[in-house]
Amino acid sequence: MDLSNRTVLVVGGTSGIGRELARRFAAAGSTVAIGGRNPQALTELAEEGFGTISIDVTSSASVASARDAALAHYPELDTVVTMSGVMLLEDLRDPAHFEAAATTVDTNLLGTIRVVDAFTPHLIRRGAGTFVTVTSGIAFLPFPPMPSYAASKAGVHAYSEALRAQLDGTGVGVVELVPPAVATAGQEKVNPHALPLDDFATEVMDLLSQDPTPREILVKGVLGHRWAEREGTYDDLVAQRSQALAMLPGRQG
């Protein structure tokens, strides 16, 4: 992927990984717009020089409106990054967790589908372009305190695979970004092994620049997650990660 002349929309790029990747795309020479639902963050990003678009991926109407605004301002849009996501703790022994599960699936999985659906006709008409979907190492090696997060990201992985197959021959590619724990959004406070954001972003941009671009963007820090089952470490790692269930409010004491 030539990062120097892309026109990129980063949906969910108002903070964390998305914000840093937007800055990296811009620094490489691409035109970058950022979509999100935090007005203050969008104002700050506009002051940095980014195009900004209000979007709530849980609303089909909001996604359609954002698409229309994006294409009006950026008719050459060729890269759509779907970053929006939430990570919520759930105690599956308590049926009240369902609200968190519904929110997680609606944002992470259905939100991705809404965004992809909105821009697929445009990219197919162009005959060239890229979707960058975002999953997680947790899609391949579950973190038991966040069951719906793991399920939603595994769903995005499967959906990305099917999307790539269905778009074959159209000129539109699908790249799946698989982050490990990255030191942003509070991860650094609970996970001393979280990868520094700067290091992560540098490795991601290097992988995106490869020719051909990998179908999955796997930084070194996520390889143990991605290939745990193949390497025979899956069961032991899930058991180890299950110790974190003690962090659930109902399991403390």
Protein backbone atom coordinates (compact mmCIF):
# COMPACT_ATOMS: atom_id res chain seq x y z
CA MET A 1 0.00 0.00 0.00
CA ASP A 2 1.42 3.38 -1.06
CA LEU A 3 0.75 5.48 2.05
CA SER A 4 1.87 8.73 0.42
CA ASN A 5 -1.16 9.43 -1.74
CA ARG A 6 -4.19 7.79 -0.13
CA THR A 7 -7.44 9.45 0.80
CA VAL A 8 -8.33 7.86 4.11
CA LEU A 9 -11.34 7.91 6.42
CA VAL A 10 -10.63 6.57 9.92
CA VAL A 11 -13.96 5.80 11.57
CA GLY A 12 -13.48 5.74 15.34
CA GLY A 13 -10.22 7.66 15.09
CA THR A 14 -10.85 10.29 17.75
CA SER A 15 -8.60 8.60 20.32
CA GLY A 16 -6.07 5.85 20.93
CA ILE A 17 -4.89 3.63 18.10
CA GLY A 18 -7.17 5.24 15.50
CA ARG A 19 -5.98 8.74 16.26
CA GLU A 20 -2.32 7.72 16.09
CA LEU A 21 -2.78 5.84 12.81
CA ALA A 22 -4.59 8.85 11.34
CA ARG A 23 -1.59 10.99 12.25
CA ARG A 24 0.77 8.44 10.69
CA PHE A 25 -1.21 8.32 7.43
CA ALA A 26 -1.16 12.13 7.30
CA ALA A 27 2.57 12.27 8.04
CA ALA A 28 3.17 9.82 5.18
CA GLY A 29 1.42 12.19 2.78
CA SER A 30 -2.15 10.89 2.66
CA THR A 31 -5.26 13.02 2.96
CA VAL A 32 -7.02 11.96 6.16
CA ALA A 33 -10.48 12.50 7.60
CA ILE A 34 -11.53 11.22 11.01
CA GLY A 35 -15.01 10.12 12.00
CA GLY A 36 -16.27 9.82 15.56
CA ARG A 37 -18.98 10.83 17.99
CA ASN A 38 -16.99 12.92 20.49
CA PRO A 39 -17.56 16.58 19.55
CA GLN A 40 -14.66 17.89 21.63
CA ALA A 41 -12.22 15.39 20.14
CA LEU A 42 -13.42 16.20 16.63
CA THR A 43 -12.88 19.91 17.29
CA GLU A 44 -9.33 19.23 18.51
CA LEU A 45 -8.59 17.12 15.45
CA ALA A 46 -9.97 19.78 13.13
CA GLU A 47 -7.54 22.21 14.74
CA GLU A 48 -4.76 19.76 13.88
CA GLY A 49 -5.83 20.02 10.24
CA PHE A 50 -7.83 16.82 9.85
CA GLY A 51 -11.17 16.69 8.15
CA THR A 52 -13.74 15.61 10.71
CA ILE A 53 -17.10 13.88 10.40
CA SER A 54 -19.64 13.09 13.10
CA ILE A 55 -20.64 9.43 13.07
CA ASP A 56 -22.25 6.96 15.45
CA VAL A 57 -21.71 3.46 14.07
CA THR A 58 -24.66 2.09 16.07
CA SER A 59 -27.04 4.22 13.96
CA SER A 60 -27.66 3.35 10.30
CA ALA A 61 -28.92 6.89 9.69
CA SER A 62 -25.79 8.42 11.20
CA VAL A 63 -23.54 6.15 9.13
CA ALA A 64 -25.41 7.06 5.92
CA SER A 65 -25.17 10.76 6.72
CA ALA A 66 -21.46 10.45 7.47
CA ARG A 67 -20.89 8.58 4.21
CA ASP A 68 -22.62 11.31 2.24
CA ALA A 69 -20.57 14.00 3.98
CA ALA A 70 -17.33 12.10 3.45
CA LEU A 71 -17.91 11.49 -0.24
CA ALA A 72 -19.02 15.10 -0.80
CA HIS A 73 -15.74 16.37 0.66
CA TYR A 74 -13.51 13.50 -0.46
CA PRO A 75 -14.80 12.07 -3.76
CA GLU A 76 -11.43 10.30 -4.22
CA LEU A 77 -11.81 8.40 -0.95
CA ASP A 78 -10.05 5.06 -1.40
CA THR A 79 -9.34 3.76 2.11
CA VAL A 80 -11.85 3.20 4.92
CA VAL A 81 -10.57 2.15 8.35
CA THR A 82 -13.21 0.86 10.78
CA MET A 83 -11.79 1.47 14.27
CA SER A 84 -14.91 1.92 16.43
CA GLY A 85 -15.05 -0.43 19.38
CA VAL A 86 -15.89 -0.84 23.03
CA MET A 87 -14.35 -3.18 25.64
CA LEU A 88 -16.68 -4.03 28.52
CA LEU A 89 -16.32 -6.42 31.43
CA GLU A 90 -19.10 -8.99 31.80
CA ASP A 91 -19.91 -11.52 34.51
CA LEU A 92 -21.79 -14.25 32.68
CA ARG A 93 -23.19 -15.57 35.96
CA ASP A 94 -25.29 -12.40 36.14
CA PRO A 95 -27.96 -12.10 33.41
CA ALA A 96 -27.66 -8.32 33.71
CA HIS A 97 -24.52 -8.61 31.56
CA PHE A 98 -26.72 -8.83 28.47
CA GLU A 99 -26.91 -5.05 28.08
CA ALA A 100 -23.12 -4.88 27.87
CA ALA A 101 -23.13 -7.78 25.40
CA ALA A 102 -25.69 -6.07 23.17
CA THR A 103 -23.76 -2.79 23.23
CA THR A 104 -20.52 -4.56 22.39
CA VAL A 105 -21.90 -6.53 19.45
CA ASP A 106 -23.83 -3.53 18.11
CA THR A 107 -20.73 -1.34 18.15
CA ASN A 108 -17.92 -3.73 17.29
CA LEU A 109 -19.51 -6.15 14.83
CA LEU A 110 -22.67 -4.51 13.51
CA GLY A 111 -20.94 -1.12 13.51
CA THR A 112 -18.22 -2.52 11.29
CA ILE A 113 -20.82 -4.02 8.95
CA ARG A 114 -22.74 -0.74 8.75
CA VAL A 115 -19.63 1.19 7.78
CA VAL A 116 -18.49 -1.39 5.25
CA ASP A 117 -21.96 -1.53 3.68
CA ALA A 118 -22.07 2.26 3.42
CA PHE A 119 -18.83 2.55 1.45
CA THR A 120 -18.77 -0.68 -0.57
CA PRO A 121 -20.71 0.70 -3.58
CA HIS A 122 -18.38 3.73 -3.80
CA LEU A 123 -15.20 1.66 -3.69
CA ILE A 124 -16.54 -0.86 -6.20
CA ARG A 125 -17.44 2.00 -8.57
CA ARG A 126 -13.89 3.31 -8.23
CA GLY A 127 -12.55 -0.14 -9.08
CA ALA A 128 -9.84 0.27 -6.45
CA GLY A 129 -9.61 0.81 -2.73
CA THR A 130 -9.11 -0.80 0.64
CA PHE A 131 -11.12 -1.58 3.73
CA VAL A 132 -9.06 -1.89 6.89
CA THR A 133 -11.07 -3.76 9.51
CA VAL A 134 -9.84 -3.93 13.09
CA THR A 135 -10.03 -7.04 15.23
CA SER A 136 -7.82 -7.93 18.21
CA GLY A 137 -5.51 -10.59 19.51
CA ILE A 138 -8.48 -11.40 21.77
CA ALA A 139 -10.37 -12.56 18.66
CA PHE A 140 -7.98 -15.51 18.52
CA LEU A 141 -7.15 -15.98 22.21
CA PRO A 142 -10.17 -15.02 24.34
CA PHE A 143 -9.85 -12.89 27.47
CA PRO A 144 -12.56 -14.42 29.68
CA PRO A 145 -13.58 -11.23 31.56
CA MET A 146 -14.59 -9.69 28.20
CA PRO A 147 -16.52 -12.49 26.48
CA SER A 148 -18.63 -10.42 24.09
CA TYR A 149 -15.63 -8.34 23.10
CA ALA A 150 -13.82 -11.53 22.13
CA ALA A 151 -16.88 -12.85 20.29
CA SER A 152 -17.46 -9.58 18.44
CA LYS A 153 -13.85 -9.35 17.29
CA ALA A 154 -13.85 -13.00 16.22
CA GLY A 155 -16.97 -12.11 14.25
CA VAL A 156 -15.21 -9.20 12.56
CA HIS A 157 -12.37 -11.56 11.61
CA ALA A 158 -14.77 -14.05 10.01
CA TYR A 159 -16.68 -11.24 8.32
CA SER A 160 -13.45 -9.76 6.95
CA GLU A 161 -12.51 -13.12 5.44
CA ALA A 162 -15.90 -13.41 3.73
CA LEU A 163 -15.81 -9.78 2.58
CA ARG A 164 -12.40 -10.30 1.01
CA ALA A 165 -13.68 -13.35 -0.87
CA GLN A 166 -16.82 -11.56 -2.08
CA LEU A 167 -14.90 -8.47 -3.24
CA ASP A 168 -12.31 -10.52 -5.12
CA GLY A 169 -12.01 -9.18 -8.65
CA THR A 170 -13.48 -5.75 -7.86
CA GLY A 171 -10.18 -4.07 -7.11
CA VAL A 172 -11.23 -3.53 -3.50
CA GLY A 173 -8.99 -5.17 -0.92
CA VAL A 174 -9.62 -6.07 2.71
CA VAL A 175 -6.84 -5.77 5.28
CA GLU A 176 -7.40 -6.92 8.86
CA LEU A 177 -5.49 -5.10 11.58
CA VAL A 178 -4.98 -7.33 14.65
CA PRO A 179 -3.73 -5.26 17.62
CA PRO A 180 -2.43 -6.77 20.84
CA ALA A 181 -2.86 -4.84 24.10
CA VAL A 182 -1.59 -1.35 23.32
CA ALA A 183 -0.73 1.27 25.93
CA THR A 184 -3.69 3.54 25.32
CA ALA A 185 -7.19 4.05 26.72
CA GLY A 186 -6.07 2.90 30.15
CA GLN A 187 -4.56 -0.40 28.98
CA GLU A 188 -1.18 0.71 30.29
CA LYS A 189 -2.62 0.90 33.82
CA VAL A 190 -3.88 -2.69 33.94
CA ASN A 191 -1.45 -4.46 31.62
CA PRO A 192 2.27 -3.87 32.13
CA HIS A 193 2.91 -5.80 28.90
CA ALA A 194 0.86 -3.42 26.76
CA LEU A 195 2.81 -2.36 23.69
CA PRO A 196 3.79 1.34 23.56
CA LEU A 197 1.49 3.12 21.11
CA ASP A 198 4.36 4.69 19.18
CA ASP A 199 6.10 1.35 18.66
CA PHE A 200 2.85 -0.31 17.63
CA ALA A 201 1.97 2.39 15.09
CA THR A 202 5.45 2.30 13.56
CA GLU A 203 5.28 -1.46 13.08
CA VAL A 204 1.75 -1.23 11.62
CA MET A 205 2.74 1.38 9.05
CA ASP A 206 5.80 -0.65 8.06
CA LEU A 207 3.61 -3.73 7.50
CA LEU A 208 1.02 -1.72 5.54
CA SER A 209 3.82 -0.46 3.27
CA GLN A 210 4.88 -3.96 2.27
CA ASP A 211 4.23 -5.10 -1.29
CA PRO A 212 1.97 -6.93 -1.36
CA THR A 213 0.19 -5.65 1.73
CA PRO A 214 -0.41 -8.56 4.13
CA ARG A 215 -4.02 -9.69 4.49
CA GLU A 216 -3.54 -9.53 8.25
CA ILE A 217 -1.42 -6.87 9.93
CA LEU A 218 0.26 -8.81 12.73
CA VAL A 219 2.79 -6.95 14.84
CA LYS A 220 5.26 -9.14 16.69
CA GLY A 221 3.44 -8.59 19.98
CA VAL A 222 0.27 -10.31 18.73
CA LEU A 223 1.78 -13.41 17.12
CA GLY A 224 1.41 -15.45 20.31
CA HIS A 225 -2.34 -14.70 20.29
CA ARG A 226 -2.88 -15.28 16.60
CA TRP A 227 -1.12 -18.63 16.42
CA ALA A 228 -1.75 -20.00 19.94
CA GLU A 229 -3.94 -22.84 18.73
CA ARG A 230 -1.52 -23.83 15.99
CA GLU A 231 1.41 -23.75 18.39
CA GLY A 232 -0.34 -25.81 21.06
CA THR A 233 -0.28 -23.04 23.68
CA TYR A 234 -3.98 -22.14 23.48
CA ASP A 235 -5.36 -24.09 26.44
CA ASP A 236 -2.61 -23.04 28.81
CA LEU A 237 -2.91 -19.39 27.81
CA VAL A 238 -6.70 -19.34 28.19
CA ALA A 239 -6.32 -20.88 31.66
CA GLN A 240 -3.70 -18.28 32.52
CA ARG A 241 -5.90 -15.43 31.24
CA SER A 242 -8.86 -16.84 33.17
CA GLN A 243 -7.13 -15.77 36.38
CA ALA A 244 -8.21 -12.25 35.44
CA LEU A 245 -11.81 -13.22 36.23
CA ALA A 246 -10.95 -12.11 39.76
CA MET A 247 -11.19 -8.54 38.47
CA LEU A 248 -14.95 -8.86 37.99
CA PRO A 249 -16.86 -7.08 40.78
CA GLY A 250 -18.88 -10.16 41.69
CA ARG A 251 -15.75 -12.31 42.03
CA GLN A 252 -13.77 -10.09 44.39
CA GLY A 253 -13.26 -10.70 48.07
